[in-house]
Amino acid sequence: MLLYQKFVEPPERSLKPAGHVQPELSDEAGAPSPQETSTRTSSKPPVFNRVTYQKRRAAFTSNLEYKGPSPQEYETFNTPAGVEEVVYESEGLELKAWVDRRGASEEKSPAIVYFHGGFAIALSSIEEACAQFREAGFVVMCPTLRGENGNPGNFELFLGEVDDAANACRWLAQQDYVDQDRIYTFGHSVGGGISTLLSLQEDLPVAYTGSSGGLYSVHTFFSWREIVPFDWTSQSEKKIRILSGNIADMLTPHIAYIGTEDLPFHSTIYAVQNEKKKDSFLTVRKVHGDHFTSFDVAVKEYIKLLKALPKSSPAHTSEPETDRTGNQ
């Protein structure tokens, strides 16, 4: 199963030396808040003959050459005590998710929708990968997506799965124990790619999105051509499934953490830095580590960012003030 080595969750946190903190490589004071990176205004000069990502996505139909479940095997597991297994609906599909309220301490708590690495969820996604979020007082939702873990639906690789992810967020926003103004997303690896693409979704009840090792490019599909369910040479199929090339159409702020030794993503950093404009909703930060060892420090930095945001302040309410996006 070497093909899936990059799709699994990071190692257990207990394997890291106690008290060890990896510094984050950045001279930037901080990522923009929702108030600083918010809805675009009409003061921008009009751009003619340009179709937004949202319109292209609405009109796009993927030609799946493979129709079936995700390519990763999965194991069933018992739901941990204090965690609730739920079902949410997405485009007629009933999909499984787990909601962990063990760390919640407020009547209406902040919440994280966490998207697991790989193409199947495991118990470690709930118990280990999300431990820092739980310890920080967040309600944590861990959804599965279409074609995963016995779910109905076809594996689409960063397309229909993003719709599922958005619907998971909408389901969580309807729960009375969640503060609707403090819902965020985060994902690792493949799940990071899902969280990244959520920044392009309309009507998303999320104030901020984040990822660790999830800033993919068109070259990803060549590397994964053995499992790509569509024609991997098709530019239209690839470009609708990545953030690069669509940054101008982002609707929700996103911070992408990339490990200093996670070399395959470094070329993507340069590409997006050349693409994004002054008021971009994208922040890219390098943190020490490889694809897996950078995960814990990325989560720690993301929690720090979220805790610093104004409490109960809806996102998308003001014009961007300064260029504080990206720093490498």
C-alpha atoms as a PDB file:
ATOM      1  CA  MET A   1       0.000   0.000   0.000  1.00  0.00           C
ATOM      2  CA  LEU A   2       2.872   2.366  -0.662  1.00  0.00           C
ATOM      3  CA  LEU A   3       0.541   4.402  -2.867  1.00  0.00           C
ATOM      4  CA  TYR A   4      -1.304   5.592   0.224  1.00  0.00           C
ATOM      5  CA  GLN A   5       1.617   6.466   2.479  1.00  0.00           C
ATOM      6  CA  LYS A   6       0.952  10.188   2.014  1.00  0.00           C
ATOM      7  CA  PHE A   7      -2.762   9.743   2.644  1.00  0.00           C
ATOM      8  CA  VAL A   8      -2.673   8.543   6.247  1.00  0.00           C
ATOM      9  CA  GLU A   9      -2.900  10.547   9.441  1.00  0.00           C
ATOM     10  CA  PRO A  10       0.215  12.007  11.094  1.00  0.00           C
ATOM     11  CA  PRO A  11       2.035   9.948  13.729  1.00  0.00           C
ATOM     12  CA  GLU A  12       0.695   9.912  17.274  1.00  0.00           C
ATOM     13  CA  ARG A  13       1.436  13.087  19.176  1.00  0.00           C
ATOM     14  CA  SER A  14       2.867  11.004  22.014  1.00  0.00           C
ATOM     15  CA  LEU A  15       5.836  10.121  19.824  1.00  0.00           C
ATOM     16  CA  LYS A  16       7.110  13.688  19.962  1.00  0.00           C
ATOM     17  CA  PRO A  17       9.428  14.837  22.765  1.00  0.00           C
ATOM     18  CA  ALA A  18       7.543  16.346  25.672  1.00  0.00           C
ATOM     19  CA  GLY A  19       7.553  20.120  25.623  1.00  0.00           C
ATOM     20  CA  HIS A  20       9.107  20.300  22.183  1.00  0.00           C
ATOM     21  CA  VAL A  21       7.816  23.262  20.196  1.00  0.00           C
ATOM     22  CA  GLN A  22       8.718  23.674  16.551  1.00  0.00           C
ATOM     23  CA  PRO A  23       9.131  27.329  15.571  1.00  0.00           C
ATOM     24  CA  GLU A  24       7.105  28.674  12.695  1.00  0.00           C
ATOM     25  CA  LEU A  25       9.118  30.211   9.883  1.00  0.00           C
ATOM     26  CA  SER A  26       7.534  33.549   9.217  1.00  0.00           C
ATOM     27  CA  ASP A  27       8.213  37.222   9.645  1.00  0.00           C
ATOM     28  CA  GLU A  28       4.522  38.001   9.309  1.00  0.00           C
ATOM     29  CA  ALA A  29       2.676  39.359  12.320  1.00  0.00           C
ATOM     30  CA  GLY A  30      -0.330  37.165  11.713  1.00  0.00           C
ATOM     31  CA  ALA A  31      -2.893  35.891   9.287  1.00  0.00           C
ATOM     32  CA  PRO A  32      -5.750  38.220   8.388  1.00  0.00           C
ATOM     33  CA  SER A  33      -8.928  38.126  10.432  1.00  0.00           C
ATOM     34  CA  PRO A  34     -12.312  37.735   8.752  1.00  0.00           C
ATOM     35  CA  GLN A  35     -12.794  41.464   9.205  1.00  0.00           C
ATOM     36  CA  GLU A  36      -9.574  42.155   7.300  1.00  0.00           C
ATOM     37  CA  THR A  37     -10.199  39.669   4.512  1.00  0.00           C
ATOM     38  CA  SER A  38     -13.843  39.994   3.729  1.00  0.00           C
ATOM     39  CA  THR A  39     -16.351  40.439   0.967  1.00  0.00           C
ATOM     40  CA  ARG A  40     -15.057  42.237  -2.092  1.00  0.00           C
ATOM     41  CA  THR A  41     -16.509  45.667  -2.823  1.00  0.00           C
ATOM     42  CA  SER A  42     -17.520  47.357  -6.034  1.00  0.00           C
ATOM     43  CA  SER A  43     -14.527  49.702  -5.756  1.00  0.00           C
ATOM     44  CA  LYS A  44     -12.452  47.167  -7.659  1.00  0.00           C
ATOM     45  CA  PRO A  45     -12.064  47.831 -11.382  1.00  0.00           C
ATOM     46  CA  PRO A  46     -14.311  45.499 -13.387  1.00  0.00           C
ATOM     47  CA  VAL A  47     -12.751  42.463 -15.012  1.00  0.00           C
ATOM     48  CA  PHE A  48     -14.325  41.675 -18.367  1.00  0.00           C
ATOM     49  CA  ASN A  49     -14.606  38.330 -20.150  1.00  0.00           C
ATOM     50  CA  ARG A  50     -13.867  36.446 -16.969  1.00  0.00           C
ATOM     51  CA  VAL A  51     -16.055  33.702 -15.576  1.00  0.00           C
ATOM     52  CA  THR A  52     -15.804  33.160 -11.837  1.00  0.00           C
ATOM     53  CA  TYR A  53     -14.918  29.825 -10.324  1.00  0.00           C
ATOM     54  CA  GLN A  54     -18.385  29.586  -8.819  1.00  0.00           C
ATOM     55  CA  LYS A  55     -20.075  29.916 -12.228  1.00  0.00           C
ATOM     56  CA  ARG A  56     -17.641  27.495 -13.854  1.00  0.00           C
ATOM     57  CA  ARG A  57     -18.135  25.020 -11.026  1.00  0.00           C
ATOM     58  CA  ALA A  58     -21.931  25.235 -11.261  1.00  0.00           C
ATOM     59  CA  ALA A  59     -21.821  24.523 -14.997  1.00  0.00           C
ATOM     60  CA  PHE A  60     -19.184  21.782 -14.797  1.00  0.00           C
ATOM     61  CA  THR A  61     -19.919  18.078 -15.119  1.00  0.00           C
ATOM     62  CA  SER A  62     -17.055  15.701 -14.492  1.00  0.00           C
ATOM     63  CA  ASN A  63     -16.613  12.785 -16.865  1.00  0.00           C
ATOM     64  CA  LEU A  64     -15.769  10.019 -14.428  1.00  0.00           C
ATOM     65  CA  GLU A  65     -13.969   7.139 -16.106  1.00  0.00           C
ATOM     66  CA  TYR A  66     -14.126   5.157 -12.867  1.00  0.00           C
ATOM     67  CA  LYS A  67     -17.309   5.006 -10.847  1.00  0.00           C
ATOM     68  CA  GLY A  68     -17.047   3.403  -7.463  1.00  0.00           C
ATOM     69  CA  PRO A  69     -15.790   3.854  -3.904  1.00  0.00           C
ATOM     70  CA  SER A  70     -12.613   5.606  -2.816  1.00  0.00           C
ATOM     71  CA  PRO A  71      -9.368   3.723  -3.491  1.00  0.00           C
ATOM     72  CA  GLN A  72      -8.402   3.332   0.159  1.00  0.00           C
ATOM     73  CA  GLU A  73      -9.359   0.361   2.288  1.00  0.00           C
ATOM     74  CA  TYR A  74     -10.895   1.110   5.661  1.00  0.00           C
ATOM     75  CA  GLU A  75     -11.516  -0.576   8.964  1.00  0.00           C
ATOM     76  CA  THR A  76     -14.637  -0.271  11.059  1.00  0.00           C
ATOM     77  CA  PHE A  77     -14.203   0.982  14.618  1.00  0.00           C
ATOM     78  CA  ASN A  78     -16.223   1.496  17.751  1.00  0.00           C
ATOM     79  CA  THR A  79     -17.313   5.054  18.433  1.00  0.00           C
ATOM     80  CA  PRO A  80     -15.381   6.374  21.453  1.00  0.00           C
ATOM     81  CA  ALA A  81     -17.293   7.143  24.628  1.00  0.00           C
ATOM     82  CA  GLY A  82     -18.468  10.746  24.577  1.00  0.00           C
ATOM     83  CA  VAL A  83     -18.449  10.908  20.772  1.00  0.00           C
ATOM     84  CA  GLU A  84     -21.665  10.722  18.747  1.00  0.00           C
ATOM     85  CA  GLU A  85     -21.957   9.063  15.343  1.00  0.00           C
ATOM     86  CA  VAL A  86     -24.357  11.058  13.165  1.00  0.00           C
ATOM     87  CA  VAL A  87     -25.616  11.123   9.595  1.00  0.00           C
ATOM     88  CA  TYR A  88     -25.709  14.245   7.439  1.00  0.00           C
ATOM     89  CA  GLU A  89     -27.214  14.578   3.986  1.00  0.00           C
ATOM     90  CA  SER A  90     -25.407  15.793   0.887  1.00  0.00           C
ATOM     91  CA  GLU A  91     -27.029  15.830  -2.535  1.00  0.00           C
ATOM     92  CA  GLY A  92     -29.289  12.935  -1.642  1.00  0.00           C
ATOM     93  CA  LEU A  93     -26.502  10.898  -0.030  1.00  0.00           C
ATOM     94  CA  GLU A  94     -26.591   9.946   3.642  1.00  0.00           C
ATOM     95  CA  LEU A  95     -23.024  10.209   4.928  1.00  0.00           C
ATOM     96  CA  LYS A  96     -21.465   9.301   8.261  1.00  0.00           C
ATOM     97  CA  ALA A  97     -19.752  11.701  10.634  1.00  0.00           C
ATOM     98  CA  TRP A  98     -18.597  11.786  14.236  1.00  0.00           C
ATOM     99  CA  VAL A  99     -19.167  14.725  16.585  1.00  0.00           C
ATOM    100  CA  ASP A 100     -16.893  15.082  19.598  1.00  0.00           C
ATOM    101  CA  ARG A 101     -18.151  17.424  22.340  1.00  0.00           C
ATOM    102  CA  ARG A 102     -15.864  16.157  25.094  1.00  0.00           C
ATOM    103  CA  GLY A 103     -13.813  19.356  25.117  1.00  0.00           C
ATOM    104  CA  ALA A 104     -16.670  21.835  24.782  1.00  0.00           C
ATOM    105  CA  SER A 105     -17.048  24.089  27.812  1.00  0.00           C
ATOM    106  CA  GLU A 106     -19.456  26.775  26.576  1.00  0.00           C
ATOM    107  CA  GLU A 107     -23.205  26.664  26.042  1.00  0.00           C
ATOM    108  CA  LYS A 108     -22.481  27.525  22.426  1.00  0.00           C
ATOM    109  CA  SER A 109     -18.941  26.468  21.651  1.00  0.00           C
ATOM    110  CA  PRO A 110     -16.618  27.193  18.742  1.00  0.00           C
ATOM    111  CA  ALA A 111     -16.432  24.299  16.322  1.00  0.00           C
ATOM    112  CA  ILE A 112     -13.982  22.680  13.922  1.00  0.00           C
ATOM    113  CA  VAL A 113     -14.952  20.533  10.981  1.00  0.00           C
ATOM    114  CA  TYR A 114     -11.887  18.340  10.521  1.00  0.00           C
ATOM    115  CA  PHE A 115     -11.189  16.575   7.224  1.00  0.00           C
ATOM    116  CA  HIS A 116      -9.030  13.500   7.603  1.00  0.00           C
ATOM    117  CA  GLY A 117      -6.008  12.617   5.519  1.00  0.00           C
ATOM    118  CA  GLY A 118      -6.371   9.987   2.825  1.00  0.00           C
ATOM    119  CA  PHE A 119      -9.587   8.626   1.412  1.00  0.00           C
ATOM    120  CA  ALA A 120     -10.976   6.913   4.515  1.00  0.00           C
ATOM    121  CA  ILE A 121     -11.432   7.955   8.117  1.00  0.00           C
ATOM    122  CA  ALA A 122      -9.870   5.998  10.971  1.00  0.00           C
ATOM    123  CA  LEU A 123     -10.272   6.078  14.730  1.00  0.00           C
ATOM    124  CA  SER A 124      -6.963   7.953  14.926  1.00  0.00           C
ATOM    125  CA  SER A 125      -8.558  10.822  12.990  1.00  0.00           C
ATOM    126  CA  ILE A 126     -10.928  11.389  15.895  1.00  0.00           C
ATOM    127  CA  GLU A 127      -8.797  10.486  18.889  1.00  0.00           C
ATOM    128  CA  GLU A 128      -5.321  11.653  17.866  1.00  0.00           C
ATOM    129  CA  ALA A 129      -5.414  14.093  14.952  1.00  0.00           C
ATOM    130  CA  CYS A 130      -8.153  16.173  16.603  1.00  0.00           C
ATOM    131  CA  ALA A 131      -6.790  16.017  20.148  1.00  0.00           C
ATOM    132  CA  GLN A 132      -5.444  19.587  20.145  1.00  0.00           C
ATOM    133  CA  PHE A 133      -8.776  20.989  18.962  1.00  0.00           C
ATOM    134  CA  ARG A 134     -10.628  19.047  21.648  1.00  0.00           C
ATOM    135  CA  GLU A 135      -8.214  20.189  24.348  1.00  0.00           C
ATOM    136  CA  ALA A 136      -8.666  23.800  23.193  1.00  0.00           C
ATOM    137  CA  GLY A 137     -12.424  23.675  23.814  1.00  0.00           C
ATOM    138  CA  PHE A 138     -13.756  23.112  20.307  1.00  0.00           C
ATOM    139  CA  VAL A 139     -16.644  20.926  19.281  1.00  0.00           C
ATOM    140  CA  VAL A 140     -15.097  18.728  16.588  1.00  0.00           C
ATOM    141  CA  MET A 141     -16.955  17.186  13.674  1.00  0.00           C
ATOM    142  CA  CYS A 142     -15.143  14.520  11.648  1.00  0.00           C
ATOM    143  CA  PRO A 143     -17.156  13.777   8.505  1.00  0.00           C
ATOM    144  CA  THR A 144     -16.680  11.077   5.928  1.00  0.00           C
ATOM    145  CA  LEU A 145     -17.341  11.957   2.308  1.00  0.00           C
ATOM    146  CA  ARG A 146     -18.968  10.176  -0.619  1.00  0.00           C
ATOM    147  CA  GLY A 147     -17.499   6.785  -1.445  1.00  0.00           C
ATOM    148  CA  GLU A 148     -15.559   6.593   1.835  1.00  0.00           C
ATOM    149  CA  ASN A 149     -15.954   4.046   4.634  1.00  0.00           C
ATOM    150  CA  GLY A 150     -18.851   2.300   2.935  1.00  0.00           C
ATOM    151  CA  ASN A 151     -20.703   5.529   2.136  1.00  0.00           C
ATOM    152  CA  PRO A 152     -22.845   5.753  -1.000  1.00  0.00           C
ATOM    153  CA  GLY A 153     -21.614   7.818  -3.936  1.00  0.00           C
ATOM    154  CA  ASN A 154     -18.679   7.748  -6.309  1.00  0.00           C
ATOM    155  CA  PHE A 155     -15.103   8.779  -5.623  1.00  0.00           C
ATOM    156  CA  GLU A 156     -14.576  12.071  -7.497  1.00  0.00           C
ATOM    157  CA  LEU A 157     -11.277  13.339  -6.035  1.00  0.00           C
ATOM    158  CA  PHE A 158     -11.740  16.938  -4.877  1.00  0.00           C
ATOM    159  CA  LEU A 159     -15.088  17.607  -6.559  1.00  0.00           C
ATOM    160  CA  GLY A 160     -18.303  16.110  -5.174  1.00  0.00           C
ATOM    161  CA  GLU A 161     -16.428  15.537  -1.934  1.00  0.00           C
ATOM    162  CA  VAL A 162     -16.134  19.310  -1.530  1.00  0.00           C
ATOM    163  CA  ASP A 163     -19.910  19.615  -1.804  1.00  0.00           C
ATOM    164  CA  ASP A 164     -20.191  16.988   0.926  1.00  0.00           C
ATOM    165  CA  ALA A 165     -17.735  18.916   3.085  1.00  0.00           C
ATOM    166  CA  ALA A 166     -19.776  22.099   2.680  1.00  0.00           C
ATOM    167  CA  ASN A 167     -22.957  20.252   3.624  1.00  0.00           C
ATOM    168  CA  ALA A 168     -21.246  18.841   6.709  1.00  0.00           C
ATOM    169  CA  CYS A 169     -20.479  22.427   7.747  1.00  0.00           C
ATOM    170  CA  ARG A 170     -24.089  23.420   7.136  1.00  0.00           C
ATOM    171  CA  TRP A 171     -25.303  20.504   9.251  1.00  0.00           C
ATOM    172  CA  LEU A 172     -23.046  21.526  12.116  1.00  0.00           C
ATOM    173  CA  ALA A 173     -24.212  25.141  11.908  1.00  0.00           C
ATOM    174  CA  GLN A 174     -27.758  23.974  12.683  1.00  0.00           C
ATOM    175  CA  GLN A 175     -26.801  22.379  16.004  1.00  0.00           C
ATOM    176  CA  ASP A 176     -27.830  24.379  19.066  1.00  0.00           C
ATOM    177  CA  TYR A 177     -24.574  23.672  20.934  1.00  0.00           C
ATOM    178  CA  VAL A 178     -22.454  25.423  18.291  1.00  0.00           C
ATOM    179  CA  ASP A 179     -21.685  29.138  18.001  1.00  0.00           C
ATOM    180  CA  GLN A 180     -22.579  29.805  14.369  1.00  0.00           C
ATOM    181  CA  ASP A 181     -20.130  32.708  14.205  1.00  0.00           C
ATOM    182  CA  ARG A 182     -17.224  30.493  15.245  1.00  0.00           C
ATOM    183  CA  ILE A 183     -17.251  27.555  12.863  1.00  0.00           C
ATOM    184  CA  TYR A 184     -13.942  26.752  11.188  1.00  0.00           C
ATOM    185  CA  THR A 185     -12.481  23.992   9.048  1.00  0.00           C
ATOM    186  CA  PHE A 186      -9.114  22.280   8.966  1.00  0.00           C
ATOM    187  CA  GLY A 187      -7.697  19.306   7.146  1.00  0.00           C
ATOM    188  CA  HIS A 188      -4.510  17.347   6.664  1.00  0.00           C
ATOM    189  CA  SER A 189      -3.128  16.141   3.341  1.00  0.00           C
ATOM    190  CA  VAL A 190      -6.104  15.146   1.155  1.00  0.00           C
ATOM    191  CA  GLY A 191      -8.378  16.588   3.833  1.00  0.00           C
ATOM    192  CA  GLY A 192      -6.351  19.777   3.628  1.00  0.00           C
ATOM    193  CA  GLY A 193      -7.132  19.924  -0.068  1.00  0.00           C
ATOM    194  CA  ILE A 194     -10.826  19.628   0.765  1.00  0.00           C
ATOM    195  CA  SER A 195     -10.614  22.420   3.345  1.00  0.00           C
ATOM    196  CA  THR A 196      -8.709  24.575   0.857  1.00  0.00           C
ATOM    197  CA  LEU A 197     -11.398  24.213  -1.799  1.00  0.00           C
ATOM    198  CA  LEU A 198     -14.093  25.128   0.715  1.00  0.00           C
ATOM    199  CA  SER A 199     -12.735  28.678   0.567  1.00  0.00           C
ATOM    200  CA  LEU A 200     -14.341  28.882  -2.900  1.00  0.00           C
ATOM    201  CA  GLN A 201     -17.773  27.672  -1.791  1.00  0.00           C
ATOM    202  CA  GLU A 202     -20.804  29.932  -1.687  1.00  0.00           C
ATOM    203  CA  ASP A 203     -23.147  30.113   1.309  1.00  0.00           C
ATOM    204  CA  LEU A 204     -20.650  28.459   3.615  1.00  0.00           C
ATOM    205  CA  PRO A 205     -21.309  29.070   7.352  1.00  0.00           C
ATOM    206  CA  VAL A 206     -17.603  29.127   8.132  1.00  0.00           C
ATOM    207  CA  ALA A 207     -15.461  32.025   9.339  1.00  0.00           C
ATOM    208  CA  TYR A 208     -12.049  30.585   8.462  1.00  0.00           C
ATOM    209  CA  THR A 209     -10.548  27.574   6.694  1.00  0.00           C
ATOM    210  CA  GLY A 210      -7.127  26.026   7.193  1.00  0.00           C
ATOM    211  CA  SER A 211      -4.963  23.174   5.974  1.00  0.00           C
ATOM    212  CA  SER A 212      -1.733  21.315   6.608  1.00  0.00           C
ATOM    213  CA  GLY A 213      -0.020  19.879   3.545  1.00  0.00           C
ATOM    214  CA  GLY A 214      -3.061  20.385   1.336  1.00  0.00           C
ATOM    215  CA  LEU A 215      -2.129  23.010  -1.251  1.00  0.00           C
ATOM    216  CA  TYR A 216      -2.278  20.832  -4.353  1.00  0.00           C
ATOM    217  CA  SER A 217      -1.462  21.681  -7.971  1.00  0.00           C
ATOM    218  CA  VAL A 218      -2.301  20.250 -11.403  1.00  0.00           C
ATOM    219  CA  HIS A 219       0.841  18.114 -11.144  1.00  0.00           C
ATOM    220  CA  THR A 220      -0.787  16.161  -8.326  1.00  0.00           C
ATOM    221  CA  PHE A 221      -3.024  14.341 -10.769  1.00  0.00           C
ATOM    222  CA  PHE A 222      -0.087  13.031 -12.765  1.00  0.00           C
ATOM    223  CA  SER A 223       1.491  11.725  -9.579  1.00  0.00           C
ATOM    224  CA  TRP A 224      -1.804  10.087  -8.603  1.00  0.00           C
ATOM    225  CA  ARG A 225      -2.810   8.992 -12.107  1.00  0.00           C
ATOM    226  CA  GLU A 226      -3.289   5.385 -10.979  1.00  0.00           C
ATOM    227  CA  ILE A 227      -6.231   6.417  -8.803  1.00  0.00           C
ATOM    228  CA  VAL A 228      -7.550   9.522 -10.612  1.00  0.00           C
ATOM    229  CA  PRO A 229     -11.160   8.691 -11.589  1.00  0.00           C
ATOM    230  CA  PHE A 230     -11.241  11.055 -14.585  1.00  0.00           C
ATOM    231  CA  ASP A 231      -8.996  11.772 -17.569  1.00  0.00           C
ATOM    232  CA  TRP A 232      -5.960  13.118 -15.734  1.00  0.00           C
ATOM    233  CA  THR A 233      -4.749  14.899 -18.898  1.00  0.00           C
ATOM    234  CA  SER A 234      -7.883  17.083 -19.034  1.00  0.00           C
ATOM    235  CA  GLN A 235      -7.068  20.629 -17.987  1.00  0.00           C
ATOM    236  CA  SER A 236     -10.686  21.490 -17.214  1.00  0.00           C
ATOM    237  CA  GLU A 237     -11.027  18.451 -14.926  1.00  0.00           C
ATOM    238  CA  LYS A 238      -7.855  19.355 -13.050  1.00  0.00           C
ATOM    239  CA  LYS A 239      -8.271  23.104 -12.745  1.00  0.00           C
ATOM    240  CA  ILE A 240     -11.738  22.854 -11.202  1.00  0.00           C
ATOM    241  CA  ARG A 241     -10.229  20.724  -8.415  1.00  0.00           C
ATOM    242  CA  ILE A 242      -7.458  23.011  -7.157  1.00  0.00           C
ATOM    243  CA  LEU A 243      -7.174  26.464  -5.607  1.00  0.00           C
ATOM    244  CA  SER A 244      -4.308  27.621  -7.808  1.00  0.00           C
ATOM    245  CA  GLY A 245      -5.754  29.563 -10.720  1.00  0.00           C
ATOM    246  CA  ASN A 246      -8.893  30.374  -8.724  1.00  0.00           C
ATOM    247  CA  ILE A 247      -7.518  32.483  -5.884  1.00  0.00           C
ATOM    248  CA  ALA A 248      -9.285  35.645  -7.066  1.00  0.00           C
ATOM    249  CA  ASP A 249     -12.619  33.917  -6.460  1.00  0.00           C
ATOM    250  CA  MET A 250     -12.030  32.883  -2.848  1.00  0.00           C
ATOM    251  CA  LEU A 251     -14.957  33.749  -0.572  1.00  0.00           C
ATOM    252  CA  THR A 252     -13.616  32.624   2.818  1.00  0.00           C
ATOM    253  CA  PRO A 253     -10.120  33.237   4.245  1.00  0.00           C
ATOM    254  CA  HIS A 254      -7.762  30.274   4.132  1.00  0.00           C
ATOM    255  CA  ILE A 255      -4.383  29.697   5.745  1.00  0.00           C
ATOM    256  CA  ALA A 256      -2.253  26.929   4.250  1.00  0.00           C
ATOM    257  CA  TYR A 257       0.551  25.510   6.385  1.00  0.00           C
ATOM    258  CA  ILE A 258       3.333  23.757   4.482  1.00  0.00           C
ATOM    259  CA  GLY A 259       6.231  21.892   6.073  1.00  0.00           C
ATOM    260  CA  THR A 260       9.745  23.124   5.376  1.00  0.00           C
ATOM    261  CA  GLU A 261      10.587  19.574   4.311  1.00  0.00           C
ATOM    262  CA  ASP A 262       7.320  18.904   2.496  1.00  0.00           C
ATOM    263  CA  LEU A 263       9.110  19.611  -0.766  1.00  0.00           C
ATOM    264  CA  PRO A 264       6.421  18.603  -3.308  1.00  0.00           C
ATOM    265  CA  PHE A 265       4.321  21.558  -2.149  1.00  0.00           C
ATOM    266  CA  HIS A 266       7.040  24.189  -2.390  1.00  0.00           C
ATOM    267  CA  SER A 267       6.568  24.764  -6.111  1.00  0.00           C
ATOM    268  CA  THR A 268       2.875  25.366  -5.438  1.00  0.00           C
ATOM    269  CA  ILE A 269       3.809  28.046  -2.910  1.00  0.00           C
ATOM    270  CA  TYR A 270       5.690  29.979  -5.582  1.00  0.00           C
ATOM    271  CA  ALA A 271       2.819  29.573  -8.033  1.00  0.00           C
ATOM    272  CA  VAL A 272       0.153  30.919  -5.692  1.00  0.00           C
ATOM    273  CA  GLN A 273       2.385  33.755  -4.502  1.00  0.00           C
ATOM    274  CA  ASN A 274       2.713  34.916  -8.102  1.00  0.00           C
ATOM    275  CA  GLU A 275      -1.029  34.610  -8.643  1.00  0.00           C
ATOM    276  CA  LYS A 276      -2.574  36.216  -5.600  1.00  0.00           C
ATOM    277  CA  LYS A 277      -3.316  39.908  -5.355  1.00  0.00           C
ATOM    278  CA  LYS A 278      -2.976  42.399  -2.529  1.00  0.00           C
ATOM    279  CA  ASP A 279      -6.361  41.623  -0.976  1.00  0.00           C
ATOM    280  CA  SER A 280      -6.166  37.879  -1.462  1.00  0.00           C
ATOM    281  CA  PHE A 281      -7.940  35.650   1.038  1.00  0.00           C
ATOM    282  CA  LEU A 282      -4.997  33.237   0.992  1.00  0.00           C
ATOM    283  CA  THR A 283      -2.178  33.084   3.528  1.00  0.00           C
ATOM    284  CA  VAL A 284       0.671  30.599   3.101  1.00  0.00           C
ATOM    285  CA  ARG A 285       2.989  29.748   5.978  1.00  0.00           C
ATOM    286  CA  LYS A 286       5.905  27.393   6.253  1.00  0.00           C
ATOM    287  CA  VAL A 287       6.313  25.461   9.494  1.00  0.00           C
ATOM    288  CA  HIS A 288       9.098  23.077  10.439  1.00  0.00           C
ATOM    289  CA  GLY A 289       8.699  19.465   9.442  1.00  0.00           C
ATOM    290  CA  ASP A 290       7.732  17.157   6.614  1.00  0.00           C
ATOM    291  CA  HIS A 291       4.285  16.148   5.405  1.00  0.00           C
ATOM    292  CA  PHE A 292       3.528  14.481   8.733  1.00  0.00           C
ATOM    293  CA  THR A 293       5.739  16.070  11.382  1.00  0.00           C
ATOM    294  CA  SER A 294       4.570  19.572  10.426  1.00  0.00           C
ATOM    295  CA  PHE A 295       0.966  18.683  11.286  1.00  0.00           C
ATOM    296  CA  ASP A 296       1.033  19.237  15.050  1.00  0.00           C
ATOM    297  CA  VAL A 297       2.693  22.633  14.858  1.00  0.00           C
ATOM    298  CA  ALA A 298       0.292  23.672  12.090  1.00  0.00           C
ATOM    299  CA  VAL A 299      -2.688  22.778  14.289  1.00  0.00           C
ATOM    300  CA  LYS A 300      -1.151  24.622  17.227  1.00  0.00           C
ATOM    301  CA  GLU A 301      -0.635  27.760  15.127  1.00  0.00           C
ATOM    302  CA  TYR A 302      -4.132  27.526  13.671  1.00  0.00           C
ATOM    303  CA  ILE A 303      -5.713  27.291  17.114  1.00  0.00           C
ATOM    304  CA  LYS A 304      -3.681  30.317  18.182  1.00  0.00           C
ATOM    305  CA  LEU A 305      -4.987  32.210  15.151  1.00  0.00           C
ATOM    306  CA  LEU A 306      -8.599  31.258  15.824  1.00  0.00           C
ATOM    307  CA  LYS A 307      -8.382  32.175  19.503  1.00  0.00           C
ATOM    308  CA  ALA A 308      -7.171  35.641  18.503  1.00  0.00           C
ATOM    309  CA  LEU A 309     -10.164  36.329  16.260  1.00  0.00           C
ATOM    310  CA  PRO A 310     -12.891  38.615  17.638  1.00  0.00           C
ATOM    311  CA  LYS A 311     -15.495  36.543  19.481  1.00  0.00           C
ATOM    312  CA  SER A 312     -18.952  36.326  17.920  1.00  0.00           C
ATOM    313  CA  SER A 313     -17.971  38.443  14.938  1.00  0.00           C
ATOM    314  CA  PRO A 314     -19.386  37.185  11.638  1.00  0.00           C
ATOM    315  CA  ALA A 315     -16.945  36.809   8.779  1.00  0.00           C
ATOM    316  CA  HIS A 316     -17.243  38.678   5.503  1.00  0.00           C
ATOM    317  CA  THR A 317     -18.394  41.992   6.886  1.00  0.00           C
ATOM    318  CA  SER A 318     -15.733  44.483   5.929  1.00  0.00           C
ATOM    319  CA  GLU A 319     -13.273  45.387   3.245  1.00  0.00           C
ATOM    320  CA  PRO A 320      -9.674  44.136   3.419  1.00  0.00           C
ATOM    321  CA  GLU A 321      -7.453  46.775   4.962  1.00  0.00           C
ATOM    322  CA  THR A 322      -3.894  45.714   4.235  1.00  0.00           C
ATOM    323  CA  ASP A 323      -1.903  43.111   2.371  1.00  0.00           C
ATOM    324  CA  ARG A 324      -1.048  40.574   5.045  1.00  0.00           C
ATOM    325  CA  THR A 325      -1.396  37.471   2.908  1.00  0.00           C
ATOM    326  CA  GLY A 326       1.515  35.107   2.368  1.00  0.00           C
ATOM    327  CA  ASN A 327       5.015  35.530   3.588  1.00  0.00           C
ATOM    328  CA  GLN A 328       7.424  33.132   1.945  1.00  0.00           C
END
